[in-house]
Protein backbone atom coordinates (compact mmCIF):
# COMPACT_ATOMS: atom_id res chain seq x y z
CA MET A 1 0.00 0.00 0.00
CA THR A 2 1.51 3.32 -1.04
CA LYS A 3 1.38 6.46 1.03
CA PRO A 4 -0.91 9.25 -0.15
CA GLY A 5 0.79 11.96 -2.13
CA PHE A 6 2.97 9.86 -4.45
CA GLU A 7 2.66 6.84 -6.70
CA MET A 8 5.08 5.02 -8.92
CA SER A 9 4.68 6.21 -12.53
CA LYS A 10 6.46 6.50 -15.86
CA GLU A 11 7.98 9.78 -14.72
CA ASP A 12 9.77 8.16 -11.79
CA SER A 13 13.55 8.50 -11.66
CA HIS A 14 15.60 5.32 -12.09
CA LEU A 15 19.09 5.80 -10.65
CA THR A 16 22.19 3.76 -9.94
CA LEU A 17 24.56 4.74 -7.13
CA ARG A 18 27.94 3.40 -6.10
CA VAL A 19 28.72 3.66 -2.38
CA GLY A 20 31.94 5.55 -1.73
CA SER A 21 35.03 3.91 -0.30
CA ALA A 22 34.97 6.00 2.90
CA LEU A 23 31.53 4.85 4.03
CA GLN A 24 31.42 2.32 6.85
CA GLU A 25 28.27 0.33 7.73
CA ARG A 26 25.65 3.07 7.35
CA ARG A 27 21.97 2.15 7.22
CA LEU A 28 20.49 2.14 3.73
CA ASP A 29 17.60 4.49 4.63
CA LYS A 30 19.95 7.01 6.28
CA TYR A 31 22.33 6.88 3.34
CA LEU A 32 19.55 7.54 0.83
CA HIS A 33 18.14 10.36 2.95
CA GLY A 34 21.55 11.98 2.87
CA ARG A 35 21.66 11.67 -0.93
CA PHE A 36 18.05 12.71 -1.53
CA ALA A 37 17.24 15.34 1.08
CA ASN A 38 14.03 16.39 -0.68
CA PHE A 39 12.50 13.06 0.31
CA SER A 40 11.66 12.44 3.94
CA ARG A 41 13.21 9.41 5.57
CA ALA A 42 9.69 7.94 5.99
CA ILE A 43 9.05 8.17 2.24
CA LEU A 44 12.41 6.55 1.44
CA GLN A 45 11.73 3.74 3.91
CA ASP A 46 8.41 3.12 2.16
CA VAL A 47 10.14 3.11 -1.24
CA ILE A 48 12.59 0.49 0.06
CA LYS A 49 9.82 -1.68 1.55
CA ARG A 50 7.94 -1.65 -1.76
CA GLY A 51 10.92 -3.23 -3.49
CA ALA A 52 12.00 -0.13 -5.43
CA VAL A 53 15.55 -0.36 -4.07
CA LYS A 54 18.08 -3.10 -4.73
CA VAL A 55 21.58 -3.42 -3.32
CA ASN A 56 23.98 -5.49 -5.38
CA GLY A 57 20.98 -6.77 -7.34
CA GLN A 58 19.06 -7.97 -4.28
CA PRO A 59 15.96 -6.49 -2.56
CA ALA A 60 16.96 -4.71 0.62
CA LYS A 61 15.56 -3.60 3.96
CA PRO A 62 15.80 -0.03 5.34
CA SER A 63 18.12 -1.26 8.10
CA LEU A 64 20.63 -2.91 5.73
CA LYS A 65 24.18 -1.81 6.58
CA LEU A 66 26.01 -0.61 3.48
CA ASN A 67 29.64 -1.24 2.66
CA PRO A 68 32.09 0.51 0.31
CA ASP A 69 31.47 -0.17 -3.41
CA ASP A 70 27.94 -1.50 -2.87
CA LEU A 71 25.80 -0.87 -5.96
CA ILE A 72 22.38 0.66 -5.26
CA GLU A 73 19.58 0.68 -7.83
CA ILE A 74 16.65 2.89 -6.86
CA THR A 75 13.42 4.06 -8.45
CA LEU A 76 12.37 7.35 -6.89
CA PRO A 77 8.73 8.45 -7.12
CA GLN A 78 7.72 11.92 -8.21
CA LEU A 79 7.37 14.20 -5.24
CA PRO A 80 3.99 15.86 -4.89
CA LYS A 81 3.96 19.36 -6.33
CA THR A 82 4.22 21.91 -3.58
CA GLU A 83 2.80 25.32 -4.10
CA ILE A 84 3.05 27.83 -1.30
CA PRO A 85 -0.01 30.04 -1.65
CA PRO A 86 0.73 33.66 -0.76
CA GLU A 87 -1.16 34.87 2.30
CA ASN A 88 -1.43 38.43 3.52
CA ILE A 89 0.17 37.79 6.90
CA PRO A 90 2.17 40.76 8.19
CA LEU A 91 5.85 40.13 8.83
CA ASN A 92 7.63 42.03 11.58
CA ILE A 93 10.67 42.88 9.47
CA LEU A 94 13.84 43.94 11.28
CA TYR A 95 15.97 44.18 8.12
CA GLU A 96 15.65 43.52 4.39
CA ASP A 97 17.86 43.74 1.31
CA HIS A 98 18.11 41.96 -2.06
CA ASP A 99 19.22 38.69 -0.46
CA ILE A 100 17.68 38.30 2.97
CA ILE A 101 14.83 39.29 5.24
CA VAL A 102 15.32 39.21 9.00
CA ILE A 103 12.10 39.03 10.97
CA ASN A 104 10.91 38.95 14.56
CA LYS A 105 8.80 35.78 14.53
CA PRO A 106 5.60 35.85 16.58
CA ALA A 107 4.35 33.06 18.82
CA ASP A 108 1.87 30.42 17.60
CA MET A 109 3.16 30.43 14.04
CA ILE A 110 4.90 27.54 12.32
CA VAL A 111 7.74 28.15 9.89
CA HIS A 112 6.74 26.19 6.80
CA PRO A 113 3.81 24.06 5.63
CA ALA A 114 3.60 20.55 7.00
CA ARG A 115 0.97 17.86 7.28
CA GLY A 116 -2.11 19.46 8.82
CA ASN A 117 -0.61 22.96 8.65
CA THR A 118 -0.59 24.18 5.06
CA ARG A 119 -1.67 27.75 5.74
CA GLY A 120 -0.74 30.58 8.05
CA THR A 121 3.01 29.84 7.99
CA ILE A 122 6.07 32.02 7.68
CA ALA A 123 6.55 30.60 4.16
CA ASN A 124 3.05 31.71 3.13
CA ALA A 125 3.74 35.19 4.49
CA LEU A 126 7.11 35.31 2.68
CA ALA A 127 5.44 34.33 -0.61
CA PHE A 128 2.94 37.19 -0.27
CA HIS A 129 5.68 39.66 0.66
CA LEU A 130 7.76 38.76 -2.40
CA VAL A 131 4.75 38.80 -4.73
CA SER A 132 3.76 42.26 -3.44
CA ALA A 133 7.28 43.59 -3.82
CA LYS A 134 7.54 42.27 -7.38
CA ALA A 135 4.13 43.69 -8.29
CA ASN A 136 5.13 47.12 -6.99
CA GLU A 137 8.40 46.94 -8.87
CA ASP A 138 6.96 45.83 -12.22
CA GLU A 139 3.50 47.37 -11.83
CA GLU A 140 1.91 43.96 -12.36
CA GLU A 141 1.70 40.85 -10.25
CA GLN A 142 3.98 38.08 -11.46
CA GLU A 143 4.48 34.50 -10.41
CA ILE A 144 7.13 34.21 -7.74
CA LYS A 145 9.36 31.17 -7.32
CA LEU A 146 10.51 30.95 -3.74
CA PRO A 147 14.11 29.91 -3.06
CA ASP A 148 14.38 26.12 -2.99
CA ALA A 149 18.10 25.50 -2.57
CA LEU A 150 17.28 23.28 0.42
CA GLY A 151 14.35 21.59 -1.30
CA GLU A 152 10.92 22.78 -2.33
CA PHE A 153 9.50 21.85 1.05
CA ARG A 154 11.63 24.57 2.68
CA PRO A 155 10.95 27.62 0.47
CA GLY A 156 13.08 30.52 1.59
CA ILE A 157 13.64 28.89 4.97
CA VAL A 158 17.20 28.83 6.30
CA HIS A 159 16.53 27.66 9.87
CA ARG A 160 13.56 27.06 12.12
CA LEU A 161 12.11 28.14 15.42
CA ASP A 162 9.52 26.12 17.31
CA ARG A 163 5.92 27.16 16.81
CA ASN A 164 5.69 28.99 20.14
CA THR A 165 9.23 30.36 20.21
CA THR A 166 9.45 34.02 19.26
CA GLY A 167 12.37 36.01 17.98
CA VAL A 168 14.90 36.76 15.30
CA MET A 169 14.83 34.59 12.19
CA ILE A 170 16.52 34.74 8.77
CA LEU A 171 14.64 34.24 5.49
CA ALA A 172 16.36 33.96 2.11
CA LYS A 173 15.14 35.68 -1.06
CA ASN A 174 17.22 33.66 -3.53
CA ASN A 175 18.87 30.25 -3.78
CA VAL A 176 22.43 31.49 -3.41
CA ALA A 177 21.65 33.31 -0.17
CA GLN A 178 19.69 30.35 1.19
CA TRP A 179 22.49 27.89 0.47
CA LYS A 180 25.29 30.12 1.82
CA ILE A 181 23.53 30.89 5.09
CA ALA A 182 22.39 27.29 5.57
CA LYS A 183 26.00 26.19 5.19
CA GLN A 184 26.98 28.58 7.99
CA PHE A 185 24.41 26.91 10.23
CA HIS A 186 25.75 23.49 9.24
CA ASP A 187 29.31 24.58 9.98
CA ARG A 188 28.26 26.13 13.32
CA LYS A 189 29.42 29.58 12.29
CA VAL A 190 26.16 31.33 13.15
CA GLU A 191 26.03 32.87 16.64
CA LYS A 192 22.63 32.66 18.31
CA SER A 193 21.44 33.61 21.77
CA TYR A 194 18.09 33.11 23.44
CA LEU A 195 16.34 34.43 26.54
CA ALA A 196 14.25 32.13 28.71
CA ILE A 197 12.36 32.56 31.96
CA VAL A 198 12.64 29.35 33.93
CA HIS A 199 11.44 27.81 37.15
CA GLY A 200 13.95 28.01 39.98
CA VAL A 201 17.48 29.40 40.15
CA PRO A 202 20.48 27.38 38.91
CA ASP A 203 23.27 26.80 41.43
CA LEU A 204 25.88 28.19 39.02
CA THR A 205 25.61 31.60 37.37
CA ARG A 206 27.24 30.16 34.22
CA ASP A 207 27.56 26.61 33.02
CA ARG A 208 27.49 24.24 30.06
CA VAL A 209 24.95 21.49 29.47
CA ASN A 210 26.46 18.70 27.40
CA ALA A 211 23.87 15.98 26.94
CA PRO A 212 23.07 14.13 23.66
CA LEU A 213 19.52 14.34 22.32
CA GLY A 214 17.35 11.88 20.46
CA ILE A 215 13.70 11.22 19.80
CA HIS A 216 11.79 10.32 22.96
CA PRO A 217 11.50 6.53 23.29
CA LYS A 218 7.73 6.67 23.82
CA THR A 219 6.50 9.98 22.38
CA ARG A 220 7.66 10.84 18.85
CA GLU A 221 6.72 14.50 19.20
CA LYS A 222 9.16 14.89 22.07
CA TYR A 223 12.93 14.68 22.44
CA ALA A 224 14.93 13.34 25.34
CA ILE A 225 18.45 12.91 26.68
CA ARG A 226 19.74 9.73 25.00
CA PRO A 227 23.32 9.05 26.21
CA GLU A 228 23.80 5.94 24.09
CA THR A 229 22.05 6.85 20.84
CA GLY A 230 21.54 10.62 20.88
CA LYS A 231 23.35 13.25 18.83
CA GLU A 232 25.78 15.68 20.40
CA ALA A 233 23.99 18.65 21.97
CA VAL A 234 25.69 21.47 23.88
CA THR A 235 24.09 24.55 25.41
CA PHE A 236 25.80 27.31 27.40
CA TYR A 237 23.74 29.34 29.85
CA GLU A 238 24.21 32.47 31.93
CA VAL A 239 21.95 33.66 34.73
CA LEU A 240 21.01 37.27 34.01
CA GLU A 241 18.49 37.90 36.77
CA THR A 242 17.12 35.97 39.72
CA PHE A 243 13.81 36.05 41.56
CA ARG A 244 12.08 34.03 44.24
CA GLY A 245 11.28 30.83 42.37
CA PHE A 246 12.31 31.99 38.91
CA SER A 247 15.24 33.24 36.88
CA LEU A 248 16.02 34.87 33.55
CA LEU A 249 18.66 33.03 31.52
CA LYS A 250 20.68 33.82 28.43
CA LEU A 251 21.29 30.67 26.39
CA THR A 252 23.86 30.12 23.67
CA PRO A 253 23.49 26.78 21.89
CA LYS A 254 26.64 25.37 20.32
CA THR A 255 24.59 22.80 18.40
CA GLY A 256 21.13 23.21 16.90
CA ARG A 257 19.11 20.13 17.77
CA THR A 258 15.33 20.17 17.77
CA HIS A 259 13.96 21.27 21.18
CA GLN A 260 17.56 21.42 22.45
CA ILE A 261 17.23 24.35 24.86
CA ARG A 262 13.90 23.15 26.20
CA VAL A 263 15.15 19.62 26.89
CA HIS A 264 18.45 20.76 28.37
CA LEU A 265 16.76 23.15 30.81
CA ALA A 266 14.34 20.44 31.89
CA TYR A 267 17.32 18.10 32.29
CA ILE A 268 18.98 20.46 34.81
CA LYS A 269 15.64 20.76 36.68
CA HIS A 270 14.86 24.30 35.50
CA PRO A 271 12.17 23.91 32.84
CA ILE A 272 10.94 26.94 30.93
CA VAL A 273 7.81 28.60 32.27
CA ALA A 274 4.65 27.34 30.50
CA ASP A 275 6.55 24.67 28.54
CA ASP A 276 4.12 21.90 29.47
CA MET A 277 5.79 19.39 27.12
CA TYR A 278 8.96 19.44 29.21
CA GLY A 279 7.71 20.12 32.73
CA GLY A 280 7.14 23.87 32.70
CA LYS A 281 4.08 25.21 34.54
CA LEU A 282 1.66 28.04 33.86
CA VAL A 283 2.09 31.06 36.12
CA TYR A 284 -0.81 33.23 37.29
CA PRO A 285 -0.70 36.80 38.60
CA TRP A 286 -2.08 35.79 41.99
CA GLN A 287 0.78 33.31 42.43
CA LEU A 288 3.43 35.94 41.83
CA LYS A 289 1.70 38.31 44.26
CA ASN A 290 1.33 35.56 46.90
CA ALA A 291 -2.38 36.35 46.94
CA ASP A 292 -5.38 34.05 47.27
CA PRO A 293 -6.23 32.01 44.18
CA ALA A 294 -8.32 33.94 41.69
CA PRO A 295 -9.92 33.16 38.29
CA GLU A 296 -7.25 34.83 36.14
CA GLU A 297 -5.60 34.15 32.82
CA PRO A 298 -1.99 32.94 33.01
CA VAL A 299 0.67 35.61 32.67
CA ILE A 300 2.03 33.77 29.64
CA SER A 301 0.34 30.87 27.89
CA ARG A 302 3.23 29.62 25.74
CA CYS A 303 6.82 28.53 26.32
CA ALA A 304 8.72 31.57 27.64
CA LEU A 305 11.57 31.29 25.14
CA HIS A 306 12.75 34.04 22.78
CA ALA A 307 15.48 34.06 20.12
CA SER A 308 17.01 37.41 20.98
CA THR A 309 20.14 37.73 18.83
CA ILE A 310 21.70 36.28 15.69
CA ALA A 311 24.99 37.06 13.95
CA PHE A 312 26.27 35.62 10.66
CA THR A 313 28.23 36.46 7.52
CA HIS A 314 26.11 38.24 4.94
CA PRO A 315 26.00 36.08 1.77
CA THR A 316 26.89 38.99 -0.55
CA THR A 317 28.85 41.59 1.42
CA LYS A 318 30.79 38.91 3.36
CA LYS A 319 30.56 41.15 6.43
CA ILE A 320 29.43 39.98 9.85
CA VAL A 321 25.90 41.24 10.52
CA ARG A 322 24.04 41.11 13.83
CA PHE A 323 20.34 41.47 14.54
CA ASP A 324 18.43 41.74 17.79
CA ALA A 325 14.73 41.11 18.39
CA PRO A 326 13.08 42.90 21.33
CA LEU A 327 11.43 40.81 24.00
CA PRO A 328 7.75 40.10 23.16
CA ASP A 329 5.01 41.64 25.29
CA ASP A 330 4.04 38.42 27.09
CA MET A 331 7.59 37.68 28.28
CA GLN A 332 8.19 41.33 29.12
CA ASN A 333 4.99 41.36 31.19
CA LEU A 334 6.10 38.26 33.09
CA LEU A 335 9.51 39.81 33.68
CA ASP A 336 7.93 43.06 34.93
CA LEU A 337 5.74 41.15 37.40
CA LEU A 338 8.73 39.13 38.64
CA ARG A 339 10.72 42.31 39.16
CA LYS A 340 7.82 43.86 41.04
CA TYR A 341 6.77 40.95 43.24
CA ARG A 342 9.60 38.39 43.26
CA LYS A 343 12.82 40.40 43.16
CA ILE A 344 15.39 39.13 45.67
CA ARG A 345 18.57 41.02 44.77
CA LYS A 346 20.07 43.37 42.25
CA PRO A 347 20.06 41.73 38.80
CA HIS A 348 23.33 40.76 37.14
CA SER A 349 22.29 42.77 34.10
CA LYS A 350 19.20 44.38 32.67
CA LEU A 351 17.63 44.10 29.26
């Protein structure tokens, strides 16, 4: 049974690959995903299971360990056509030129279309922005092809922020810019810092969390510390301000794993406020005031995490550029209430 969205047809691509001499016992599905990044690993696994992949002339399983000089024959299905419909969603633009747009991403907004979320994304907003700019320039609306250097499923997207994480984010306006900036992320040459309001106060004012991450063994939507099978994940933190029961942290991730900061803070027993997936709790005004319980809305209803700063090499000028995104209103409100009702000593620094 094939998955919806693609079927084998006459237009499918029939390819032959020779495994390089440097490769040592890598799984077939992982190897193919590395070669064909436009296809998800799940799609490639399904292609293998349907007999569309042979290794050295024999049907193979996704888990087959490859060896140097193995010959792979594969029939790749046509990917479903992806059109990103432009939507008039305002972008909070911090900077824009011919190559890039730097935005301050709002909460409750996903970055690019995915299953069940095909509208209301950053990619939809980018498509509308580029269409509008082109129409103003040429006095007529023209079809816009979004950058697809990283695959058509990531139009103009260089990196991602979680749905409820706010803050500074880079969008590319052409393929060259998208590829060059993405390579900087891959090579860990992009400097990023985040602000988070967490439960409790760490014992050390500065420290490093070095704990590998992998998919949660029971819940696929979550990630967890996986010492044996996880990928390297390193986060540096600094305590900026402390309160009774809470603290404001600056976080600088060395690696960029999914949910890395959230999992690492939960791991050191200081989960982010309102991050219910990883142990964070909602906070209500009456709690901060030490008053009697009252029917109030929480001070913040999403994970209190904000991408505050990013610095990278501009793809055209080759100069280091730095952008800062101001703290969103909900986190600023929480911080103001903590300073008013929970302050315990002079802060290390102020925003």
